[in-house]
Amino acid sequence: MELRELQGYATFFMTIFLVVMLYGYIVHLYRSEKKGERDYEKYGKIALDDEIDSKPIEKNPKISEEKKGANK
């Protein structure tokens, strides 16, 4: 088996691996949106609404905890 043949097999199997990973990620996104864990359509609107004074998509739990701690 020569180096060229080995490179061909490696490229083929790497392509198959990356395709499987891509489809797995797409299924993960679909399932998490279906369960209601996240709404990915909100993230798609980031490019359209990118003003400095636009409201955040999600609340940051760390900031809300800091505000609670400062109020005590």
N, C-alpha and C. Protein backbone atom coordinates (compact mmCIF):
# COMPACT_ATOMS: atom_id res chain seq x y z
N MET A 1 0.85 -1.17 0.00
CA MET A 1 0.00 0.00 0.00
C MET A 1 0.90 1.24 0.00
N GLU A 2 0.72 2.07 -0.98
CA GLU A 2 1.55 3.25 -1.09
C GLU A 2 0.92 4.42 -0.33
N LEU A 3 1.68 5.48 -0.23
CA LEU A 3 1.23 6.66 0.50
C LEU A 3 0.01 7.30 -0.14
N ARG A 4 -0.03 7.37 -1.45
CA ARG A 4 -1.17 7.96 -2.17
C ARG A 4 -2.46 7.20 -1.87
N GLU A 5 -2.38 5.89 -1.86
CA GLU A 5 -3.55 5.07 -1.59
C GLU A 5 -4.01 5.26 -0.15
N LEU A 6 -3.07 5.35 0.77
CA LEU A 6 -3.39 5.60 2.18
C LEU A 6 -4.06 6.96 2.36
N GLN A 7 -3.55 7.97 1.65
CA GLN A 7 -4.15 9.30 1.73
C GLN A 7 -5.57 9.29 1.18
N GLY A 8 -5.81 8.54 0.15
CA GLY A 8 -7.16 8.42 -0.42
C GLY A 8 -8.14 7.81 0.57
N TYR A 9 -7.72 6.72 1.21
CA TYR A 9 -8.58 6.10 2.23
C TYR A 9 -8.81 7.04 3.41
N ALA A 10 -7.79 7.71 3.84
CA ALA A 10 -7.92 8.64 4.97
C ALA A 10 -8.88 9.76 4.64
N THR A 11 -8.78 10.30 3.44
CA THR A 11 -9.68 11.37 3.02
C THR A 11 -11.12 10.88 2.95
N PHE A 12 -11.32 9.69 2.41
CA PHE A 12 -12.67 9.13 2.31
C PHE A 12 -13.28 8.93 3.69
N PHE A 13 -12.55 8.31 4.61
CA PHE A 13 -13.09 8.04 5.93
C PHE A 13 -13.27 9.32 6.74
N MET A 14 -12.41 10.30 6.56
CA MET A 14 -12.56 11.58 7.26
C MET A 14 -13.82 12.30 6.75
N THR A 15 -14.07 12.22 5.45
CA THR A 15 -15.28 12.84 4.89
C THR A 15 -16.53 12.17 5.44
N ILE A 16 -16.53 10.85 5.49
CA ILE A 16 -17.67 10.12 6.05
C ILE A 16 -17.88 10.49 7.51
N PHE A 17 -16.80 10.55 8.28
CA PHE A 17 -16.88 10.91 9.70
C PHE A 17 -17.47 12.31 9.88
N LEU A 18 -17.01 13.27 9.08
CA LEU A 18 -17.51 14.64 9.21
C LEU A 18 -18.97 14.76 8.79
N VAL A 19 -19.39 14.00 7.80
CA VAL A 19 -20.80 14.00 7.40
C VAL A 19 -21.68 13.44 8.52
N VAL A 20 -21.23 12.36 9.14
CA VAL A 20 -21.99 11.78 10.26
C VAL A 20 -22.06 12.77 11.42
N MET A 21 -20.97 13.46 11.71
CA MET A 21 -20.97 14.46 12.78
C MET A 21 -21.92 15.62 12.45
N LEU A 22 -21.93 16.06 11.21
CA LEU A 22 -22.82 17.14 10.80
C LEU A 22 -24.29 16.75 10.96
N TYR A 23 -24.64 15.56 10.48
CA TYR A 23 -26.02 15.11 10.61
C TYR A 23 -26.40 14.89 12.08
N GLY A 24 -25.47 14.43 12.88
CA GLY A 24 -25.73 14.28 14.31
C GLY A 24 -26.00 15.62 14.97
N TYR A 25 -25.26 16.63 14.58
CA TYR A 25 -25.46 17.98 15.14
C TYR A 25 -26.81 18.54 14.70
N ILE A 26 -27.17 18.31 13.45
CA ILE A 26 -28.47 18.79 12.96
C ILE A 26 -29.60 18.12 13.72
N VAL A 27 -29.49 16.82 13.96
CA VAL A 27 -30.51 16.10 14.73
C VAL A 27 -30.57 16.62 16.16
N HIS A 28 -29.42 16.91 16.74
CA HIS A 28 -29.38 17.47 18.10
C HIS A 28 -30.11 18.80 18.16
N LEU A 29 -29.84 19.69 17.19
CA LEU A 29 -30.52 20.98 17.16
C LEU A 29 -32.03 20.81 16.99
N TYR A 30 -32.42 19.92 16.10
CA TYR A 30 -33.84 19.68 15.86
C TYR A 30 -34.53 19.16 17.12
N ARG A 31 -33.92 18.20 17.79
CA ARG A 31 -34.54 17.62 18.99
C ARG A 31 -34.62 18.63 20.13
N SER A 32 -33.56 19.42 20.33
CA SER A 32 -33.60 20.37 21.44
C SER A 32 -34.61 21.49 21.18
N GLU A 33 -34.80 21.85 19.92
CA GLU A 33 -35.82 22.86 19.62
C GLU A 33 -37.21 22.26 19.77
N LYS A 34 -37.36 20.99 19.40
CA LYS A 34 -38.65 20.31 19.51
C LYS A 34 -39.07 20.15 20.97
N LYS A 35 -38.10 19.87 21.86
CA LYS A 35 -38.39 19.71 23.28
C LYS A 35 -38.67 21.05 23.96
N GLY A 36 -38.30 22.15 23.32
CA GLY A 36 -38.53 23.46 23.90
C GLY A 36 -37.37 23.95 24.75
N GLU A 37 -36.23 23.30 24.66
CA GLU A 37 -35.07 23.73 25.44
C GLU A 37 -34.51 25.06 24.95
N ARG A 38 -34.47 25.23 23.64
CA ARG A 38 -33.96 26.46 23.04
C ARG A 38 -34.79 26.81 21.81
N ASP A 39 -34.81 28.10 21.50
CA ASP A 39 -35.46 28.58 20.28
C ASP A 39 -34.38 29.18 19.40
N TYR A 40 -33.93 28.40 18.44
CA TYR A 40 -32.80 28.82 17.61
C TYR A 40 -33.17 29.89 16.59
N GLU A 41 -34.46 30.12 16.39
CA GLU A 41 -34.85 31.19 15.47
C GLU A 41 -34.49 32.55 16.04
N LYS A 42 -34.47 32.67 17.37
CA LYS A 42 -34.04 33.92 18.00
C LYS A 42 -32.59 34.24 17.63
N TYR A 43 -31.76 33.21 17.61
CA TYR A 43 -30.34 33.42 17.30
C TYR A 43 -30.14 33.81 15.85
N GLY A 44 -31.04 33.41 14.99
CA GLY A 44 -30.94 33.78 13.59
C GLY A 44 -31.23 35.25 13.36
N LYS A 45 -31.93 35.87 14.30
CA LYS A 45 -32.26 37.29 14.15
C LYS A 45 -31.16 38.21 14.66
N ILE A 46 -30.09 37.64 15.21
CA ILE A 46 -29.00 38.46 15.73
C ILE A 46 -28.39 39.30 14.62
N ALA A 47 -28.21 38.75 13.46
CA ALA A 47 -27.58 39.48 12.36
C ALA A 47 -28.47 40.63 11.89
N LEU A 48 -29.77 40.49 12.01
CA LEU A 48 -30.68 41.54 11.57
C LEU A 48 -30.83 42.63 12.60
N ASP A 49 -30.74 42.28 13.86
CA ASP A 49 -30.94 43.24 14.95
C ASP A 49 -29.66 43.34 15.76
N ASP A 50 -28.70 44.09 15.26
CA ASP A 50 -27.41 44.17 15.94
C ASP A 50 -27.09 45.59 16.39
N GLU A 51 -28.09 46.31 16.81
CA GLU A 51 -27.87 47.65 17.34
C GLU A 51 -27.30 47.56 18.75
N ILE A 52 -26.63 48.60 19.17
CA ILE A 52 -26.00 48.61 20.50
C ILE A 52 -27.04 48.62 21.61
N ASP A 53 -28.20 49.18 21.35
CA ASP A 53 -29.23 49.28 22.38
C ASP A 53 -30.31 48.21 22.26
N SER A 54 -30.12 47.20 21.42
CA SER A 54 -31.11 46.13 21.30
C SER A 54 -31.04 45.22 22.52
N LYS A 55 -32.17 44.64 22.88
CA LYS A 55 -32.21 43.83 24.10
C LYS A 55 -31.56 42.47 23.86
N PRO A 56 -30.98 41.88 24.91
CA PRO A 56 -30.33 40.57 24.78
C PRO A 56 -31.35 39.47 24.47
N ILE A 57 -30.86 38.40 23.86
CA ILE A 57 -31.74 37.29 23.51
C ILE A 57 -32.11 36.48 24.75
N GLU A 58 -31.12 36.19 25.58
CA GLU A 58 -31.36 35.44 26.81
C GLU A 58 -30.82 36.22 27.99
N LYS A 59 -31.41 36.00 29.14
CA LYS A 59 -30.91 36.62 30.36
C LYS A 59 -29.68 35.85 30.83
N ASN A 60 -28.71 36.58 31.33
CA ASN A 60 -27.50 35.96 31.86
C ASN A 60 -27.73 35.65 33.34
N PRO A 61 -27.73 34.37 33.75
CA PRO A 61 -28.02 34.03 35.15
C PRO A 61 -26.96 34.57 36.10
N LYS A 62 -25.73 34.73 35.66
CA LYS A 62 -24.68 35.26 36.52
C LYS A 62 -24.95 36.71 36.91
N ILE A 63 -25.43 37.49 35.96
CA ILE A 63 -25.71 38.90 36.23
C ILE A 63 -26.88 39.03 37.18
N SER A 64 -27.92 38.22 37.02
CA SER A 64 -29.07 38.30 37.91
C SER A 64 -28.69 37.86 39.33
N GLU A 65 -27.78 36.89 39.46
CA GLU A 65 -27.31 36.48 40.79
C GLU A 65 -26.50 37.59 41.45
N GLU A 66 -25.68 38.29 40.67
CA GLU A 66 -24.89 39.39 41.21
C GLU A 66 -25.78 40.52 41.68
N LYS A 67 -26.85 40.81 40.96
CA LYS A 67 -27.79 41.87 41.35
C LYS A 67 -28.50 41.50 42.64
N LYS A 68 -28.85 40.21 42.78
CA LYS A 68 -29.50 39.76 44.02
C LYS A 68 -28.55 39.89 45.21
N GLY A 69 -27.30 39.55 44.98
CA GLY A 69 -26.30 39.64 46.05
C GLY A 69 -26.00 41.08 46.42
N ALA A 70 -26.05 42.00 45.51
CA ALA A 70 -25.79 43.42 45.77
C ALA A 70 -26.94 44.06 46.52
N ASN A 71 -28.15 43.55 46.36
CA ASN A 71 -29.32 44.13 47.02
C ASN A 71 -29.43 43.73 48.48
N LYS A 72 -28.69 42.75 48.92
CA LYS A 72 -28.80 42.29 50.33
C LYS A 72 -28.18 43.24 51.27
